[in-house]
């Protein structure tokens, strides 16, 4: 999907956070970014990110997610002995 949006930052967690919002994805679903933020590797709190240019609401496009998205979100639940089979 051609979004025609450029996102740049010296903080890659903040840049990805803004990108997730621009793609209409629930930011709590992106476990790697949540964990990186909790470890202090970057800013994931949108209210603390200085966004210049267009507002996110002006560029947001809701992306169709992978058919296995519900299985992929299982990282949020209790750890199983083996991960679910995806694909």
N, C-alpha and C. Protein backbone atom coordinates (compact mmCIF):
# COMPACT_ATOMS: atom_id res chain seq x y z
N UNK A 1 0.85 -1.16 0.00
CA UNK A 1 0.00 0.00 0.00
C UNK A 1 0.90 1.23 0.00
N UNK A 2 0.84 2.06 -1.00
CA UNK A 2 1.67 3.27 -1.02
C UNK A 2 1.15 4.31 -0.03
N UNK A 3 1.88 4.50 1.05
CA UNK A 3 1.45 5.45 2.08
C UNK A 3 1.91 6.87 1.80
N UNK A 4 3.04 7.00 1.13
CA UNK A 4 3.62 8.31 0.84
C UNK A 4 3.89 9.10 2.12
N UNK A 5 4.45 8.39 3.11
CA UNK A 5 4.79 8.98 4.39
C UNK A 5 6.24 8.62 4.69
N UNK A 6 6.99 9.59 5.17
CA UNK A 6 8.37 9.33 5.61
C UNK A 6 8.43 9.58 7.11
N UNK A 7 9.03 8.65 7.83
CA UNK A 7 9.19 8.76 9.28
C UNK A 7 10.68 8.65 9.57
N UNK A 8 11.22 9.63 10.28
CA UNK A 8 12.64 9.63 10.61
C UNK A 8 12.82 10.03 12.06
N UNK A 9 13.79 9.40 12.70
CA UNK A 9 14.08 9.71 14.10
C UNK A 9 15.43 9.11 14.47
N UNK A 10 16.08 9.71 15.44
CA UNK A 10 17.29 9.10 15.99
C UNK A 10 16.90 8.02 17.00
N UNK A 11 15.63 7.96 17.37
CA UNK A 11 15.10 6.96 18.30
C UNK A 11 14.25 5.98 17.48
N UNK A 12 14.80 4.82 17.19
CA UNK A 12 14.09 3.87 16.31
C UNK A 12 12.82 3.32 16.96
N UNK A 13 12.75 3.27 18.27
CA UNK A 13 11.51 2.82 18.93
C UNK A 13 10.41 3.86 18.70
N UNK A 14 10.75 5.13 18.87
CA UNK A 14 9.78 6.21 18.63
C UNK A 14 9.32 6.21 17.18
N UNK A 15 10.25 6.03 16.24
CA UNK A 15 9.90 6.01 14.82
C UNK A 15 8.94 4.85 14.52
N UNK A 16 9.24 3.68 15.05
CA UNK A 16 8.36 2.53 14.82
C UNK A 16 7.01 2.74 15.49
N UNK A 17 6.99 3.38 16.64
CA UNK A 17 5.72 3.66 17.35
C UNK A 17 4.83 4.54 16.49
N UNK A 18 5.41 5.57 15.90
CA UNK A 18 4.64 6.45 15.02
C UNK A 18 4.19 5.68 13.77
N UNK A 19 5.05 4.83 13.24
CA UNK A 19 4.69 4.03 12.07
C UNK A 19 3.54 3.07 12.35
N UNK A 20 3.56 2.46 13.52
CA UNK A 20 2.47 1.55 13.92
C UNK A 20 1.15 2.32 13.97
N UNK A 21 1.19 3.50 14.55
CA UNK A 21 -0.03 4.34 14.60
C UNK A 21 -0.49 4.71 13.20
N UNK A 22 0.44 5.09 12.34
CA UNK A 22 0.09 5.49 10.98
C UNK A 22 -0.52 4.34 10.18
N UNK A 23 -0.18 3.10 10.56
CA UNK A 23 -0.72 1.92 9.89
C UNK A 23 -1.99 1.42 10.54
N UNK A 24 -2.47 2.10 11.59
CA UNK A 24 -3.73 1.72 12.23
C UNK A 24 -3.63 0.43 13.02
N UNK A 25 -2.45 0.11 13.54
CA UNK A 25 -2.24 -1.12 14.30
C UNK A 25 -2.20 -0.79 15.79
N UNK A 26 -2.84 -1.61 16.59
CA UNK A 26 -2.82 -1.43 18.03
C UNK A 26 -1.37 -1.52 18.51
N UNK A 27 -0.82 -0.47 19.11
CA UNK A 27 0.59 -0.48 19.51
C UNK A 27 0.92 -1.51 20.58
N UNK A 28 -0.05 -1.99 21.31
CA UNK A 28 0.20 -3.00 22.33
C UNK A 28 0.45 -4.38 21.72
N UNK A 29 0.14 -4.55 20.44
CA UNK A 29 0.34 -5.83 19.77
C UNK A 29 1.78 -6.06 19.36
N UNK A 30 2.59 -5.00 19.31
CA UNK A 30 3.96 -5.11 18.79
C UNK A 30 4.90 -5.37 19.96
N UNK A 31 4.96 -6.64 20.34
CA UNK A 31 5.69 -7.05 21.54
C UNK A 31 7.14 -6.62 21.57
N UNK A 32 7.83 -6.71 20.46
CA UNK A 32 9.26 -6.36 20.46
C UNK A 32 9.45 -4.90 20.83
N UNK A 33 8.58 -4.02 20.34
CA UNK A 33 8.71 -2.60 20.66
C UNK A 33 8.30 -2.32 22.11
N UNK A 34 7.28 -3.00 22.58
CA UNK A 34 6.86 -2.85 23.98
C UNK A 34 8.00 -3.26 24.90
N UNK A 35 8.62 -4.41 24.62
CA UNK A 35 9.72 -4.89 25.45
C UNK A 35 10.92 -3.95 25.38
N UNK A 36 11.26 -3.45 24.20
CA UNK A 36 12.38 -2.51 24.07
C UNK A 36 12.11 -1.24 24.87
N UNK A 37 10.90 -0.76 24.82
CA UNK A 37 10.54 0.43 25.59
C UNK A 37 10.68 0.17 27.08
N UNK A 38 10.18 -0.98 27.53
CA UNK A 38 10.27 -1.32 28.95
C UNK A 38 11.72 -1.45 29.40
N UNK A 39 12.60 -1.81 28.49
CA UNK A 39 14.02 -1.95 28.80
C UNK A 39 14.75 -0.61 28.71
N UNK A 40 14.03 0.45 28.34
CA UNK A 40 14.63 1.77 28.26
C UNK A 40 15.42 2.04 27.00
N UNK A 41 15.12 1.29 25.93
CA UNK A 41 15.86 1.45 24.69
C UNK A 41 15.29 2.53 23.78
N UNK A 42 14.16 3.09 24.12
CA UNK A 42 13.55 4.12 23.29
C UNK A 42 12.22 4.56 23.86
N UNK A 43 11.65 5.57 23.22
CA UNK A 43 10.39 6.15 23.69
C UNK A 43 9.21 5.51 22.96
N UNK A 44 8.29 4.92 23.71
CA UNK A 44 7.11 4.31 23.10
C UNK A 44 5.84 5.07 23.48
N UNK A 45 5.96 6.01 24.39
CA UNK A 45 4.81 6.82 24.82
C UNK A 45 4.58 7.91 23.79
N UNK A 46 3.50 7.78 23.03
CA UNK A 46 3.22 8.71 21.94
C UNK A 46 3.12 10.15 22.41
N UNK A 47 2.65 10.36 23.63
CA UNK A 47 2.51 11.73 24.14
C UNK A 47 3.87 12.38 24.40
N UNK A 48 4.94 11.60 24.42
CA UNK A 48 6.29 12.13 24.66
C UNK A 48 7.13 12.18 23.39
N UNK A 49 6.51 11.92 22.25
CA UNK A 49 7.22 11.93 20.97
C UNK A 49 6.85 13.21 20.22
N UNK A 50 7.86 13.97 19.83
CA UNK A 50 7.65 15.22 19.09
C UNK A 50 7.42 14.89 17.62
N UNK A 51 6.18 15.02 17.19
CA UNK A 51 5.83 14.72 15.80
C UNK A 51 5.71 16.03 15.05
N UNK A 52 6.48 16.15 13.99
CA UNK A 52 6.46 17.36 13.16
C UNK A 52 5.85 17.03 11.80
N UNK A 53 5.24 18.01 11.20
CA UNK A 53 4.59 17.75 9.91
C UNK A 53 3.14 17.35 10.13
N UNK A 54 2.64 16.53 9.24
CA UNK A 54 1.24 16.10 9.33
C UNK A 54 0.98 15.34 10.62
N UNK A 55 -0.24 15.49 11.12
CA UNK A 55 -0.66 14.71 12.28
C UNK A 55 -0.89 13.27 11.85
N UNK A 56 -0.72 12.37 12.79
CA UNK A 56 -0.91 10.94 12.48
C UNK A 56 -2.30 10.70 11.91
N UNK A 57 -3.30 11.35 12.48
CA UNK A 57 -4.68 11.15 12.02
C UNK A 57 -4.84 11.51 10.55
N UNK A 58 -4.00 12.42 10.05
CA UNK A 58 -4.10 12.86 8.65
C UNK A 58 -3.49 11.85 7.68
N UNK A 59 -2.56 11.03 8.16
CA UNK A 59 -1.88 10.08 7.27
C UNK A 59 -2.23 8.63 7.55
N UNK A 60 -3.01 8.39 8.60
CA UNK A 60 -3.32 7.01 9.00
C UNK A 60 -4.09 6.27 7.91
N UNK A 61 -3.63 5.06 7.63
CA UNK A 61 -4.31 4.13 6.72
C UNK A 61 -4.34 2.79 7.43
N UNK A 62 -5.49 2.21 7.52
CA UNK A 62 -5.60 0.94 8.21
C UNK A 62 -5.16 -0.19 7.28
N UNK A 63 -4.14 -0.89 7.70
CA UNK A 63 -3.60 -1.99 6.91
C UNK A 63 -4.35 -3.29 7.22
N UNK A 64 -4.50 -4.12 6.21
CA UNK A 64 -5.05 -5.44 6.42
C UNK A 64 -3.93 -6.31 6.99
N UNK A 65 -4.19 -6.94 8.10
CA UNK A 65 -3.17 -7.73 8.77
C UNK A 65 -3.16 -9.16 8.26
N UNK A 66 -2.08 -9.86 8.55
CA UNK A 66 -1.89 -11.25 8.15
C UNK A 66 -3.04 -12.11 8.69
N UNK A 67 -3.49 -13.13 7.95
CA UNK A 67 -4.58 -13.98 8.43
C UNK A 67 -4.29 -14.66 9.77
N UNK A 68 -3.03 -14.84 10.12
CA UNK A 68 -2.66 -15.48 11.38
C UNK A 68 -2.49 -14.49 12.53
N UNK A 69 -2.98 -13.27 12.38
CA UNK A 69 -2.70 -12.24 13.39
C UNK A 69 -3.17 -12.64 14.79
N UNK A 70 -4.28 -13.33 14.89
CA UNK A 70 -4.75 -13.73 16.22
C UNK A 70 -3.78 -14.70 16.88
N UNK A 71 -3.22 -15.61 16.11
CA UNK A 71 -2.21 -16.52 16.66
C UNK A 71 -0.93 -15.77 16.99
N UNK A 72 -0.56 -14.83 16.15
CA UNK A 72 0.65 -14.06 16.38
C UNK A 72 0.56 -13.22 17.65
N UNK A 73 -0.63 -12.79 18.01
CA UNK A 73 -0.81 -11.98 19.21
C UNK A 73 -0.75 -12.81 20.49
N UNK A 74 -0.59 -14.11 20.38
CA UNK A 74 -0.56 -14.95 21.57
C UNK A 74 0.66 -14.70 22.44
N UNK A 75 1.63 -13.91 21.96
CA UNK A 75 2.78 -13.56 22.79
C UNK A 75 2.32 -12.84 24.06
N UNK A 76 1.13 -12.24 24.00
CA UNK A 76 0.64 -11.46 25.14
C UNK A 76 0.10 -12.35 26.25
N UNK A 77 -0.19 -13.61 25.93
CA UNK A 77 -0.76 -14.52 26.92
C UNK A 77 0.34 -15.31 27.63
N UNK A 78 -0.07 -16.31 28.39
CA UNK A 78 0.93 -17.13 29.10
C UNK A 78 1.79 -17.91 28.11
N UNK A 79 3.06 -18.11 28.49
CA UNK A 79 4.00 -18.85 27.64
C UNK A 79 3.61 -20.31 27.57
N UNK A 80 3.53 -20.82 26.38
CA UNK A 80 3.24 -22.23 26.16
C UNK A 80 4.56 -22.98 26.00
N UNK A 81 4.51 -24.29 26.11
CA UNK A 81 5.73 -25.08 25.95
C UNK A 81 6.32 -24.89 24.55
N UNK A 82 5.45 -24.92 23.54
CA UNK A 82 5.87 -24.68 22.16
C UNK A 82 5.00 -23.59 21.57
N UNK A 83 5.56 -22.72 20.73
CA UNK A 83 4.73 -21.69 20.10
C UNK A 83 3.73 -22.30 19.13
N UNK A 84 2.61 -21.61 18.87
CA UNK A 84 1.63 -22.15 17.91
C UNK A 84 2.23 -22.19 16.51
N UNK A 85 1.73 -23.12 15.71
CA UNK A 85 2.20 -23.22 14.32
C UNK A 85 1.52 -22.11 13.51
N UNK A 86 2.32 -21.31 12.85
CA UNK A 86 1.81 -20.22 12.03
C UNK A 86 1.99 -20.54 10.57
N UNK A 87 1.14 -19.93 9.73
CA UNK A 87 1.33 -20.07 8.30
C UNK A 87 0.47 -21.06 7.64
